[in-house]
Amino acid sequence: MTHALKHNQSTDHYYIAHPSFWPIVGSCGLFSTVFGLVQILHQDVFGPPIMTVGIILILVTMYGWFSAVVKESMQGLHSAQMDRTYRWGMVWFIVSEIFLFGIFFGALFYTRVFTLPELGNTAGPLLSLLDLSRGSATHHYLWPNFSSTWPLLTNPNPALFKGPEAVMSAWGIPALNTLILLSSAATLTWAHWGLRKNNRKQLLIGLIITIILGWTFEGFQVHEYHHAYTELNLTLASGIYGTTFFTLTGLHAVHVTVGAIMLTIILIRCLRGHFASEHHFAFEAVSWYWHFVDVVWLFLFTFVYWL
């Protein structure tokens, strides 16, 4: 056990952190990022610089705040109660992420089960049970030639929203990316076993392979997006299919990027000997996050690409 690990033990007292300015800085960063994004959507010239400032503030906050927490841990200031606090905090963070993705999956569900059948006057089982008779009038008066199919290649108003030329196949890059993410979950679990058994070689090899697989996934995702935009005319502006496709897969890609960065930081901390076999919550927290990202991708592959 290294000198750093000797200080990474829990204590009997409850440590109360000193007052910090990082929450204020982080809040300003989040506000600037969202405000800048809204301005970009409205094609305002000040949108990009405002959003850039916000992202920089968030990154600075993460580095400063996390560094302070790591120093506290290395000084032996975190008690068992503090460890439980961090665990519950991570659990509720993942719960909030589940609801975030649930909102967009809900939008996809509503579009496919309610909106499209109503516009196309092809009421499915749910619409029939709810007796939504207005679908016939909507179809007749708005778009009588619209055919309700999914994925939607011909939009109700093709002149306004030109649909994509083809559907993104599930059994190419998406299937390969599924295998990559599932493999990364296995290698991360293998690395965790190495940490618990004080097997430094297994820990480092497992982490490195997991990080490589994560960035490989992102590389294939970028290639898929390029193929969609340049060859399939599948874009954010190509109707509801393109919107839901890029919103869900793009949100997931952001989470994979964040997870890969977190794993890289954990790798650096492992190289510095920050974790003991009994005390390594930071490693566990990142593992929970990565496994959550893996599970979300299985839902994405099933409902966005396959069905």
C-alpha atoms as a PDB file:
ATOM      1  CA  MET A   1       0.000   0.000   0.000  1.00  0.00           C
ATOM      2  CA  THR A   2       1.374   3.372  -0.974  1.00  0.00           C
ATOM      3  CA  HIS A   3       1.782   6.354   1.315  1.00  0.00           C
ATOM      4  CA  ALA A   4      -1.233   8.006  -0.324  1.00  0.00           C
ATOM      5  CA  LEU A   5      -3.439   5.014   0.376  1.00  0.00           C
ATOM      6  CA  LYS A   6      -2.567   5.061   4.068  1.00  0.00           C
ATOM      7  CA  HIS A   7      -4.282   8.417   4.360  1.00  0.00           C
ATOM      8  CA  ASN A   8      -7.363   7.271   2.468  1.00  0.00           C
ATOM      9  CA  GLN A   9      -9.042   5.717   5.490  1.00  0.00           C
ATOM     10  CA  SER A  10     -12.391   6.692   6.995  1.00  0.00           C
ATOM     11  CA  THR A  11     -12.487   8.339  10.412  1.00  0.00           C
ATOM     12  CA  ASP A  12     -14.987   8.236  13.282  1.00  0.00           C
ATOM     13  CA  HIS A  13     -15.878  11.920  13.196  1.00  0.00           C
ATOM     14  CA  TYR A  14     -18.196  13.698  10.768  1.00  0.00           C
ATOM     15  CA  TYR A  15     -16.260  16.163   8.656  1.00  0.00           C
ATOM     16  CA  ILE A  16     -17.962  19.440   7.787  1.00  0.00           C
ATOM     17  CA  ALA A  17     -16.380  21.104   4.777  1.00  0.00           C
ATOM     18  CA  HIS A  18     -15.305  24.733   4.882  1.00  0.00           C
ATOM     19  CA  PRO A  19     -17.503  27.320   3.097  1.00  0.00           C
ATOM     20  CA  SER A  20     -16.882  27.194  -0.642  1.00  0.00           C
ATOM     21  CA  PHE A  21     -17.480  29.545  -3.543  1.00  0.00           C
ATOM     22  CA  TRP A  22     -17.605  26.704  -6.083  1.00  0.00           C
ATOM     23  CA  PRO A  23     -21.417  26.271  -5.955  1.00  0.00           C
ATOM     24  CA  ILE A  24     -21.866  29.899  -6.975  1.00  0.00           C
ATOM     25  CA  VAL A  25     -19.325  29.626  -9.791  1.00  0.00           C
ATOM     26  CA  GLY A  26     -20.904  26.385 -10.988  1.00  0.00           C
ATOM     27  CA  SER A  27     -24.387  27.913 -10.953  1.00  0.00           C
ATOM     28  CA  CYS A  28     -23.167  30.842 -13.044  1.00  0.00           C
ATOM     29  CA  GLY A  29     -21.600  28.365 -15.462  1.00  0.00           C
ATOM     30  CA  LEU A  30     -24.797  26.326 -15.805  1.00  0.00           C
ATOM     31  CA  PHE A  31     -26.899  29.455 -16.334  1.00  0.00           C
ATOM     32  CA  SER A  32     -24.500  30.829 -18.965  1.00  0.00           C
ATOM     33  CA  THR A  33     -24.382  27.493 -20.788  1.00  0.00           C
ATOM     34  CA  VAL A  34     -28.163  27.116 -21.003  1.00  0.00           C
ATOM     35  CA  PHE A  35     -28.711  30.812 -21.786  1.00  0.00           C
ATOM     36  CA  GLY A  36     -26.067  30.676 -24.529  1.00  0.00           C
ATOM     37  CA  LEU A  37     -27.631  27.531 -25.987  1.00  0.00           C
ATOM     38  CA  VAL A  38     -31.034  29.226 -26.142  1.00  0.00           C
ATOM     39  CA  GLN A  39     -29.469  32.192 -27.931  1.00  0.00           C
ATOM     40  CA  ILE A  40     -27.787  29.836 -30.414  1.00  0.00           C
ATOM     41  CA  LEU A  41     -31.159  28.219 -31.147  1.00  0.00           C
ATOM     42  CA  HIS A  42     -32.493  31.719 -31.867  1.00  0.00           C
ATOM     43  CA  GLN A  43     -29.451  32.382 -34.093  1.00  0.00           C
ATOM     44  CA  ASP A  44     -28.197  35.180 -31.861  1.00  0.00           C
ATOM     45  CA  VAL A  45     -24.598  36.234 -32.463  1.00  0.00           C
ATOM     46  CA  PHE A  46     -23.872  36.358 -28.717  1.00  0.00           C
ATOM     47  CA  GLY A  47     -24.969  32.752 -28.152  1.00  0.00           C
ATOM     48  CA  PRO A  48     -21.692  30.926 -28.887  1.00  0.00           C
ATOM     49  CA  PRO A  49     -19.418  33.126 -26.698  1.00  0.00           C
ATOM     50  CA  ILE A  50     -21.888  33.039 -23.790  1.00  0.00           C
ATOM     51  CA  MET A  51     -22.159  29.275 -24.000  1.00  0.00           C
ATOM     52  CA  THR A  52     -18.365  28.956 -24.256  1.00  0.00           C
ATOM     53  CA  VAL A  53     -17.904  31.015 -21.093  1.00  0.00           C
ATOM     54  CA  GLY A  54     -20.468  28.833 -19.340  1.00  0.00           C
ATOM     55  CA  ILE A  55     -18.725  25.602 -20.323  1.00  0.00           C
ATOM     56  CA  ILE A  56     -15.364  26.983 -19.165  1.00  0.00           C
ATOM     57  CA  LEU A  57     -16.866  27.952 -15.800  1.00  0.00           C
ATOM     58  CA  ILE A  58     -18.343  24.463 -15.393  1.00  0.00           C
ATOM     59  CA  LEU A  59     -15.011  22.805 -16.186  1.00  0.00           C
ATOM     60  CA  VAL A  60     -13.145  25.095 -13.780  1.00  0.00           C
ATOM     61  CA  THR A  61     -15.737  24.366 -11.080  1.00  0.00           C
ATOM     62  CA  MET A  62     -15.436  20.622 -11.590  1.00  0.00           C
ATOM     63  CA  TYR A  63     -11.652  20.727 -11.381  1.00  0.00           C
ATOM     64  CA  GLY A  64     -11.549  22.973  -8.319  1.00  0.00           C
ATOM     65  CA  TRP A  65     -14.384  21.327  -6.404  1.00  0.00           C
ATOM     66  CA  PHE A  66     -13.330  17.762  -7.134  1.00  0.00           C
ATOM     67  CA  SER A  67      -9.724  18.569  -6.251  1.00  0.00           C
ATOM     68  CA  ALA A  68     -10.865  19.840  -2.857  1.00  0.00           C
ATOM     69  CA  VAL A  69     -12.877  16.670  -2.217  1.00  0.00           C
ATOM     70  CA  VAL A  70      -9.945  14.457  -3.239  1.00  0.00           C
ATOM     71  CA  LYS A  71      -7.626  16.337  -0.874  1.00  0.00           C
ATOM     72  CA  GLU A  72     -10.110  15.891   1.966  1.00  0.00           C
ATOM     73  CA  SER A  73     -10.254  12.162   1.271  1.00  0.00           C
ATOM     74  CA  MET A  74      -6.466  11.817   1.105  1.00  0.00           C
ATOM     75  CA  GLN A  75      -6.173  13.613   4.454  1.00  0.00           C
ATOM     76  CA  GLY A  76      -8.458  11.061   6.090  1.00  0.00           C
ATOM     77  CA  LEU A  77     -11.250  13.534   6.787  1.00  0.00           C
ATOM     78  CA  HIS A  78     -14.121  11.453   5.371  1.00  0.00           C
ATOM     79  CA  SER A  79     -16.009   9.370   7.920  1.00  0.00           C
ATOM     80  CA  ALA A  80     -18.332   6.422   7.326  1.00  0.00           C
ATOM     81  CA  GLN A  81     -21.262   8.832   7.456  1.00  0.00           C
ATOM     82  CA  MET A  82     -19.625  10.984   4.786  1.00  0.00           C
ATOM     83  CA  ASP A  83     -19.152   7.865   2.656  1.00  0.00           C
ATOM     84  CA  ARG A  84     -22.871   7.091   2.932  1.00  0.00           C
ATOM     85  CA  THR A  85     -23.659  10.680   2.027  1.00  0.00           C
ATOM     86  CA  TYR A  86     -21.624  10.437  -1.163  1.00  0.00           C
ATOM     87  CA  ARG A  87     -23.232   7.114  -2.075  1.00  0.00           C
ATOM     88  CA  TRP A  88     -26.768   8.427  -1.655  1.00  0.00           C
ATOM     89  CA  GLY A  89     -25.824  11.549  -3.584  1.00  0.00           C
ATOM     90  CA  MET A  90     -24.603   9.440  -6.497  1.00  0.00           C
ATOM     91  CA  VAL A  91     -27.711   7.251  -6.354  1.00  0.00           C
ATOM     92  CA  TRP A  92     -30.034  10.256  -6.598  1.00  0.00           C
ATOM     93  CA  PHE A  93     -27.912  11.776  -9.355  1.00  0.00           C
ATOM     94  CA  ILE A  94     -28.352   8.603 -11.423  1.00  0.00           C
ATOM     95  CA  VAL A  95     -32.085   8.645 -10.637  1.00  0.00           C
ATOM     96  CA  SER A  96     -32.269  12.193 -12.023  1.00  0.00           C
ATOM     97  CA  GLU A  97     -30.456  10.987 -15.142  1.00  0.00           C
ATOM     98  CA  ILE A  98     -32.992   8.187 -15.542  1.00  0.00           C
ATOM     99  CA  PHE A  99     -35.794  10.745 -15.505  1.00  0.00           C
ATOM    100  CA  LEU A 100     -33.902  12.914 -17.992  1.00  0.00           C
ATOM    101  CA  PHE A 101     -33.693  10.103 -20.521  1.00  0.00           C
ATOM    102  CA  GLY A 102     -37.237   9.067 -19.603  1.00  0.00           C
ATOM    103  CA  ILE A 103     -38.523  12.437 -20.809  1.00  0.00           C
ATOM    104  CA  PHE A 104     -37.062  11.936 -24.284  1.00  0.00           C
ATOM    105  CA  PHE A 105     -38.078   8.289 -24.469  1.00  0.00           C
ATOM    106  CA  GLY A 106     -41.550   9.454 -23.461  1.00  0.00           C
ATOM    107  CA  ALA A 107     -41.552  11.947 -26.334  1.00  0.00           C
ATOM    108  CA  LEU A 108     -40.603   9.161 -28.740  1.00  0.00           C
ATOM    109  CA  PHE A 109     -43.352   6.939 -27.310  1.00  0.00           C
ATOM    110  CA  TYR A 110     -45.975   9.677 -27.583  1.00  0.00           C
ATOM    111  CA  THR A 111     -44.978  10.450 -31.158  1.00  0.00           C
ATOM    112  CA  ARG A 112     -45.135   6.867 -32.319  1.00  0.00           C
ATOM    113  CA  VAL A 113     -48.211   5.728 -30.389  1.00  0.00           C
ATOM    114  CA  PHE A 114     -50.410   8.844 -30.424  1.00  0.00           C
ATOM    115  CA  THR A 115     -49.311  11.650 -32.744  1.00  0.00           C
ATOM    116  CA  LEU A 116     -48.514   9.803 -35.971  1.00  0.00           C
ATOM    117  CA  PRO A 117     -51.564   7.487 -35.893  1.00  0.00           C
ATOM    118  CA  GLU A 118     -53.808  10.493 -35.267  1.00  0.00           C
ATOM    119  CA  LEU A 119     -52.323  12.522 -38.125  1.00  0.00           C
ATOM    120  CA  GLY A 120     -52.531   9.527 -40.450  1.00  0.00           C
ATOM    121  CA  ASN A 121     -55.969   8.361 -39.261  1.00  0.00           C
ATOM    122  CA  THR A 122     -54.577   4.935 -38.451  1.00  0.00           C
ATOM    123  CA  ALA A 123     -55.553   4.636 -34.792  1.00  0.00           C
ATOM    124  CA  GLY A 124     -53.654   1.914 -32.990  1.00  0.00           C
ATOM    125  CA  PRO A 125     -54.890  -0.112 -29.997  1.00  0.00           C
ATOM    126  CA  LEU A 126     -54.247   2.654 -27.450  1.00  0.00           C
ATOM    127  CA  LEU A 127     -56.019   5.307 -29.521  1.00  0.00           C
ATOM    128  CA  SER A 128     -58.965   2.969 -30.026  1.00  0.00           C
ATOM    129  CA  LEU A 129     -59.267   2.343 -26.294  1.00  0.00           C
ATOM    130  CA  LEU A 130     -59.180   6.089 -25.607  1.00  0.00           C
ATOM    131  CA  ASP A 131     -61.791   6.705 -28.343  1.00  0.00           C
ATOM    132  CA  LEU A 132     -59.930   9.633 -29.861  1.00  0.00           C
ATOM    133  CA  SER A 133     -62.259  10.304 -32.787  1.00  0.00           C
ATOM    134  CA  ARG A 134     -60.635  13.626 -33.661  1.00  0.00           C
ATOM    135  CA  GLY A 135     -57.905  11.773 -35.578  1.00  0.00           C
ATOM    136  CA  SER A 136     -60.118  11.409 -38.638  1.00  0.00           C
ATOM    137  CA  ALA A 137     -60.842  15.142 -38.806  1.00  0.00           C
ATOM    138  CA  THR A 138     -57.191  16.048 -38.234  1.00  0.00           C
ATOM    139  CA  HIS A 139     -56.136  13.758 -41.055  1.00  0.00           C
ATOM    140  CA  HIS A 140     -58.886  14.937 -43.409  1.00  0.00           C
ATOM    141  CA  TYR A 141     -58.462  18.692 -42.990  1.00  0.00           C
ATOM    142  CA  LEU A 142     -54.700  19.014 -42.460  1.00  0.00           C
ATOM    143  CA  TRP A 143     -52.818  16.322 -44.389  1.00  0.00           C
ATOM    144  CA  PRO A 144     -55.178  13.924 -46.190  1.00  0.00           C
ATOM    145  CA  ASN A 145     -52.299  12.353 -48.138  1.00  0.00           C
ATOM    146  CA  PHE A 146     -50.159  11.675 -45.087  1.00  0.00           C
ATOM    147  CA  SER A 147     -49.372   8.027 -44.358  1.00  0.00           C
ATOM    148  CA  SER A 148     -48.521   7.069 -40.788  1.00  0.00           C
ATOM    149  CA  THR A 149     -45.397   4.902 -40.760  1.00  0.00           C
ATOM    150  CA  TRP A 150     -42.301   4.642 -38.571  1.00  0.00           C
ATOM    151  CA  PRO A 151     -39.526   5.512 -39.121  1.00  0.00           C
ATOM    152  CA  LEU A 152     -41.080   8.532 -40.788  1.00  0.00           C
ATOM    153  CA  LEU A 153     -39.421   9.214 -44.146  1.00  0.00           C
ATOM    154  CA  THR A 154     -42.203  11.342 -45.652  1.00  0.00           C
ATOM    155  CA  ASN A 155     -43.313  14.143 -43.336  1.00  0.00           C
ATOM    156  CA  PRO A 156     -46.865  15.573 -43.328  1.00  0.00           C
ATOM    157  CA  ASN A 157     -45.509  18.700 -45.055  1.00  0.00           C
ATOM    158  CA  PRO A 158     -42.505  17.633 -47.191  1.00  0.00           C
ATOM    159  CA  ALA A 159     -42.103  21.176 -48.521  1.00  0.00           C
ATOM    160  CA  LEU A 160     -41.394  22.445 -45.013  1.00  0.00           C
ATOM    161  CA  PHE A 161     -39.518  19.427 -43.648  1.00  0.00           C
ATOM    162  CA  LYS A 162     -37.881  17.193 -46.210  1.00  0.00           C
ATOM    163  CA  GLY A 163     -37.647  13.717 -44.781  1.00  0.00           C
ATOM    164  CA  PRO A 164     -34.540  11.515 -44.742  1.00  0.00           C
ATOM    165  CA  GLU A 165     -33.767   9.323 -47.725  1.00  0.00           C
ATOM    166  CA  ALA A 166     -33.250   6.140 -45.685  1.00  0.00           C
ATOM    167  CA  VAL A 167     -33.400   4.714 -42.187  1.00  0.00           C
ATOM    168  CA  MET A 168     -30.295   4.213 -40.067  1.00  0.00           C
ATOM    169  CA  SER A 169     -29.687   0.464 -40.048  1.00  0.00           C
ATOM    170  CA  ALA A 170     -29.491  -1.198 -36.639  1.00  0.00           C
ATOM    171  CA  TRP A 171     -27.168  -3.987 -37.694  1.00  0.00           C
ATOM    172  CA  GLY A 172     -24.148  -1.968 -38.732  1.00  0.00           C
ATOM    173  CA  ILE A 173     -22.357   0.477 -36.465  1.00  0.00           C
ATOM    174  CA  PRO A 174     -25.147   0.494 -33.820  1.00  0.00           C
ATOM    175  CA  ALA A 175     -24.834  -3.271 -33.287  1.00  0.00           C
ATOM    176  CA  LEU A 176     -21.037  -2.962 -33.154  1.00  0.00           C
ATOM    177  CA  ASN A 177     -21.307  -0.127 -30.637  1.00  0.00           C
ATOM    178  CA  THR A 178     -23.606  -2.288 -28.526  1.00  0.00           C
ATOM    179  CA  LEU A 179     -20.936  -4.978 -28.403  1.00  0.00           C
ATOM    180  CA  ILE A 180     -18.298  -2.349 -27.572  1.00  0.00           C
ATOM    181  CA  LEU A 181     -20.252  -0.891 -24.641  1.00  0.00           C
ATOM    182  CA  LEU A 182     -21.149  -4.302 -23.231  1.00  0.00           C
ATOM    183  CA  SER A 183     -17.488  -5.291 -23.475  1.00  0.00           C
ATOM    184  CA  SER A 184     -16.469  -2.080 -21.695  1.00  0.00           C
ATOM    185  CA  ALA A 185     -18.849  -2.926 -18.843  1.00  0.00           C
ATOM    186  CA  ALA A 186     -17.147  -6.315 -18.510  1.00  0.00           C
ATOM    187  CA  THR A 187     -13.620  -4.856 -18.544  1.00  0.00           C
ATOM    188  CA  LEU A 188     -14.574  -2.211 -15.967  1.00  0.00           C
ATOM    189  CA  THR A 189     -15.989  -4.891 -13.661  1.00  0.00           C
ATOM    190  CA  TRP A 190     -12.787  -6.885 -14.154  1.00  0.00           C
ATOM    191  CA  ALA A 191     -10.753  -3.803 -13.207  1.00  0.00           C
ATOM    192  CA  HIS A 192     -12.886  -3.359 -10.082  1.00  0.00           C
ATOM    193  CA  TRP A 193     -12.159  -6.933  -9.059  1.00  0.00           C
ATOM    194  CA  GLY A 194      -8.476  -6.163  -9.481  1.00  0.00           C
ATOM    195  CA  LEU A 195      -8.779  -3.165  -7.173  1.00  0.00           C
ATOM    196  CA  ARG A 196     -10.584  -5.180  -4.510  1.00  0.00           C
ATOM    197  CA  LYS A 197      -7.902  -7.894  -4.678  1.00  0.00           C
ATOM    198  CA  ASN A 198      -5.020  -5.362  -4.671  1.00  0.00           C
ATOM    199  CA  ASN A 199      -4.079  -6.589  -8.150  1.00  0.00           C
ATOM    200  CA  ARG A 200      -2.638  -3.366  -9.581  1.00  0.00           C
ATOM    201  CA  LYS A 201      -1.883  -4.864 -13.007  1.00  0.00           C
ATOM    202  CA  GLN A 202      -5.433  -6.132 -13.500  1.00  0.00           C
ATOM    203  CA  LEU A 203      -6.828  -2.797 -12.304  1.00  0.00           C
ATOM    204  CA  LEU A 204      -4.787  -0.690 -14.730  1.00  0.00           C
ATOM    205  CA  ILE A 205      -5.227  -2.981 -17.740  1.00  0.00           C
ATOM    206  CA  GLY A 206      -8.974  -3.186 -17.199  1.00  0.00           C
ATOM    207  CA  LEU A 207      -9.304   0.580 -16.892  1.00  0.00           C
ATOM    208  CA  ILE A 208      -7.179   1.289 -19.966  1.00  0.00           C
ATOM    209  CA  ILE A 209      -9.177  -1.160 -22.091  1.00  0.00           C
ATOM    210  CA  THR A 210     -12.449   0.352 -20.845  1.00  0.00           C
ATOM    211  CA  ILE A 211     -11.317   3.867 -21.761  1.00  0.00           C
ATOM    212  CA  ILE A 212     -10.178   2.755 -25.207  1.00  0.00           C
ATOM    213  CA  LEU A 213     -13.524   1.055 -25.823  1.00  0.00           C
ATOM    214  CA  GLY A 214     -15.386   4.179 -24.695  1.00  0.00           C
ATOM    215  CA  TRP A 215     -13.532   6.471 -27.090  1.00  0.00           C
ATOM    216  CA  THR A 216     -13.871   3.863 -29.859  1.00  0.00           C
ATOM    217  CA  PHE A 217     -17.633   3.978 -29.335  1.00  0.00           C
ATOM    218  CA  GLU A 218     -17.535   7.762 -29.718  1.00  0.00           C
ATOM    219  CA  GLY A 219     -15.471   7.494 -32.898  1.00  0.00           C
ATOM    220  CA  PHE A 220     -18.018   5.168 -34.491  1.00  0.00           C
ATOM    221  CA  GLN A 221     -20.811   7.495 -33.364  1.00  0.00           C
ATOM    222  CA  VAL A 222     -19.147  10.453 -35.101  1.00  0.00           C
ATOM    223  CA  HIS A 223     -18.746   8.368 -38.263  1.00  0.00           C
ATOM    224  CA  GLU A 224     -22.429   7.394 -38.099  1.00  0.00           C
ATOM    225  CA  TYR A 225     -23.495  11.031 -37.724  1.00  0.00           C
ATOM    226  CA  HIS A 226     -21.371  12.025 -40.726  1.00  0.00           C
ATOM    227  CA  HIS A 227     -22.931   9.224 -42.768  1.00  0.00           C
ATOM    228  CA  ALA A 228     -26.436  10.295 -41.700  1.00  0.00           C
ATOM    229  CA  TYR A 229     -25.928  13.960 -42.594  1.00  0.00           C
ATOM    230  CA  THR A 230     -24.006  13.565 -45.854  1.00  0.00           C
ATOM    231  CA  GLU A 231     -25.569  10.441 -47.378  1.00  0.00           C
ATOM    232  CA  LEU A 232     -29.010   9.877 -45.818  1.00  0.00           C
ATOM    233  CA  ASN A 233     -30.150  13.482 -45.327  1.00  0.00           C
ATOM    234  CA  LEU A 234     -30.970  12.413 -41.766  1.00  0.00           C
ATOM    235  CA  THR A 235     -30.570  15.623 -39.773  1.00  0.00           C
ATOM    236  CA  LEU A 236     -32.142  17.468 -36.865  1.00  0.00           C
ATOM    237  CA  ALA A 237     -34.220  19.375 -39.423  1.00  0.00           C
ATOM    238  CA  SER A 238     -35.538  16.334 -41.302  1.00  0.00           C
ATOM    239  CA  GLY A 239     -38.669  15.863 -39.232  1.00  0.00           C
ATOM    240  CA  ILE A 240     -39.578  14.025 -36.059  1.00  0.00           C
ATOM    241  CA  TYR A 241     -37.507  10.943 -36.893  1.00  0.00           C
ATOM    242  CA  GLY A 242     -34.321  12.954 -37.251  1.00  0.00           C
ATOM    243  CA  THR A 243     -35.130  15.066 -34.196  1.00  0.00           C
ATOM    244  CA  THR A 244     -35.744  12.136 -31.860  1.00  0.00           C
ATOM    245  CA  PHE A 245     -32.814  10.180 -33.318  1.00  0.00           C
ATOM    246  CA  PHE A 246     -30.209  12.887 -32.756  1.00  0.00           C
ATOM    247  CA  THR A 247     -31.676  14.072 -29.456  1.00  0.00           C
ATOM    248  CA  LEU A 248     -31.536  10.650 -27.844  1.00  0.00           C
ATOM    249  CA  THR A 249     -28.300   9.395 -29.368  1.00  0.00           C
ATOM    250  CA  GLY A 250     -26.629  12.782 -28.954  1.00  0.00           C
ATOM    251  CA  LEU A 251     -27.584  13.014 -25.279  1.00  0.00           C
ATOM    252  CA  HIS A 252     -26.204   9.529 -24.780  1.00  0.00           C
ATOM    253  CA  ALA A 253     -22.990  10.400 -26.637  1.00  0.00           C
ATOM    254  CA  VAL A 254     -22.471  13.344 -24.268  1.00  0.00           C
ATOM    255  CA  HIS A 255     -22.823  10.984 -21.315  1.00  0.00           C
ATOM    256  CA  VAL A 256     -20.326   8.543 -22.834  1.00  0.00           C
ATOM    257  CA  THR A 257     -17.860  11.418 -23.300  1.00  0.00           C
ATOM    258  CA  VAL A 258     -18.295  12.506 -19.678  1.00  0.00           C
ATOM    259  CA  GLY A 259     -17.923   8.901 -18.529  1.00  0.00           C
ATOM    260  CA  ALA A 260     -14.730   8.392 -20.540  1.00  0.00           C
ATOM    261  CA  ILE A 261     -13.245  11.576 -19.049  1.00  0.00           C
ATOM    262  CA  MET A 262     -14.188  10.420 -15.553  1.00  0.00           C
ATOM    263  CA  LEU A 263     -12.587   7.022 -16.169  1.00  0.00           C
ATOM    264  CA  THR A 264      -9.420   8.731 -17.393  1.00  0.00           C
ATOM    265  CA  ILE A 265      -9.252  10.760 -14.186  1.00  0.00           C
ATOM    266  CA  ILE A 266      -9.805   7.603 -12.129  1.00  0.00           C
ATOM    267  CA  LEU A 267      -6.959   5.951 -14.057  1.00  0.00           C
ATOM    268  CA  ILE A 268      -4.640   8.842 -13.162  1.00  0.00           C
ATOM    269  CA  ARG A 269      -5.657   8.549  -9.520  1.00  0.00           C
ATOM    270  CA  CYS A 270      -5.028   4.791  -9.613  1.00  0.00           C
ATOM    271  CA  LEU A 271      -1.539   5.422 -10.997  1.00  0.00           C
ATOM    272  CA  ARG A 272      -0.942   7.765  -8.055  1.00  0.00           C
ATOM    273  CA  GLY A 273      -2.159   5.151  -5.575  1.00  0.00           C
ATOM    274  CA  HIS A 274      -5.184   7.041  -4.303  1.00  0.00           C
ATOM    275  CA  PHE A 275      -7.403   4.010  -3.698  1.00  0.00           C
ATOM    276  CA  ALA A 276      -7.329   1.139  -1.217  1.00  0.00           C
ATOM    277  CA  SER A 277      -9.129  -2.157  -1.668  1.00  0.00           C
ATOM    278  CA  GLU A 278     -11.614  -1.202   1.081  1.00  0.00           C
ATOM    279  CA  HIS A 279     -11.970   2.533   0.358  1.00  0.00           C
ATOM    280  CA  HIS A 280     -12.516   3.545  -3.272  1.00  0.00           C
ATOM    281  CA  PHE A 281     -15.937   5.141  -3.588  1.00  0.00           C
ATOM    282  CA  ALA A 282     -14.808   7.459  -6.409  1.00  0.00           C
ATOM    283  CA  PHE A 283     -14.024   4.378  -8.495  1.00  0.00           C
ATOM    284  CA  GLU A 284     -17.378   2.838  -7.618  1.00  0.00           C
ATOM    285  CA  ALA A 285     -19.283   6.033  -8.426  1.00  0.00           C
ATOM    286  CA  VAL A 286     -17.768   6.232 -11.901  1.00  0.00           C
ATOM    287  CA  SER A 287     -18.486   2.520 -12.387  1.00  0.00           C
ATOM    288  CA  TRP A 288     -22.150   3.053 -11.501  1.00  0.00           C
ATOM    289  CA  TYR A 289     -22.329   5.906 -13.974  1.00  0.00           C
ATOM    290  CA  TRP A 290     -20.708   3.864 -16.746  1.00  0.00           C
ATOM    291  CA  HIS A 291     -23.032   0.912 -16.205  1.00  0.00           C
ATOM    292  CA  PHE A 292     -25.990   3.303 -16.293  1.00  0.00           C
ATOM    293  CA  VAL A 293     -24.765   4.591 -19.675  1.00  0.00           C
ATOM    294  CA  ASP A 294     -24.513   0.995 -20.896  1.00  0.00           C
ATOM    295  CA  VAL A 295     -28.086   0.179 -19.864  1.00  0.00           C
ATOM    296  CA  VAL A 296     -29.440   3.342 -21.509  1.00  0.00           C
ATOM    297  CA  TRP A 297     -27.749   2.361 -24.766  1.00  0.00           C
ATOM    298  CA  LEU A 298     -29.580  -0.999 -24.742  1.00  0.00           C
ATOM    299  CA  PHE A 299     -32.884   0.905 -24.650  1.00  0.00           C
ATOM    300  CA  LEU A 300     -31.631   3.240 -27.385  1.00  0.00           C
ATOM    301  CA  PHE A 301     -30.576   0.383 -29.612  1.00  0.00           C
ATOM    302  CA  THR A 302     -33.918  -1.342 -29.137  1.00  0.00           C
ATOM    303  CA  PHE A 303     -36.346   1.569 -29.570  1.00  0.00           C
ATOM    304  CA  VAL A 304     -34.405   4.025 -31.746  1.00  0.00           C
ATOM    305  CA  TYR A 305     -32.533   1.712 -34.108  1.00  0.00           C
ATOM    306  CA  TRP A 306     -34.239  -1.676 -34.045  1.00  0.00           C
ATOM    307  CA  LEU A 307     -38.011  -1.352 -33.442  1.00  0.00           C
END
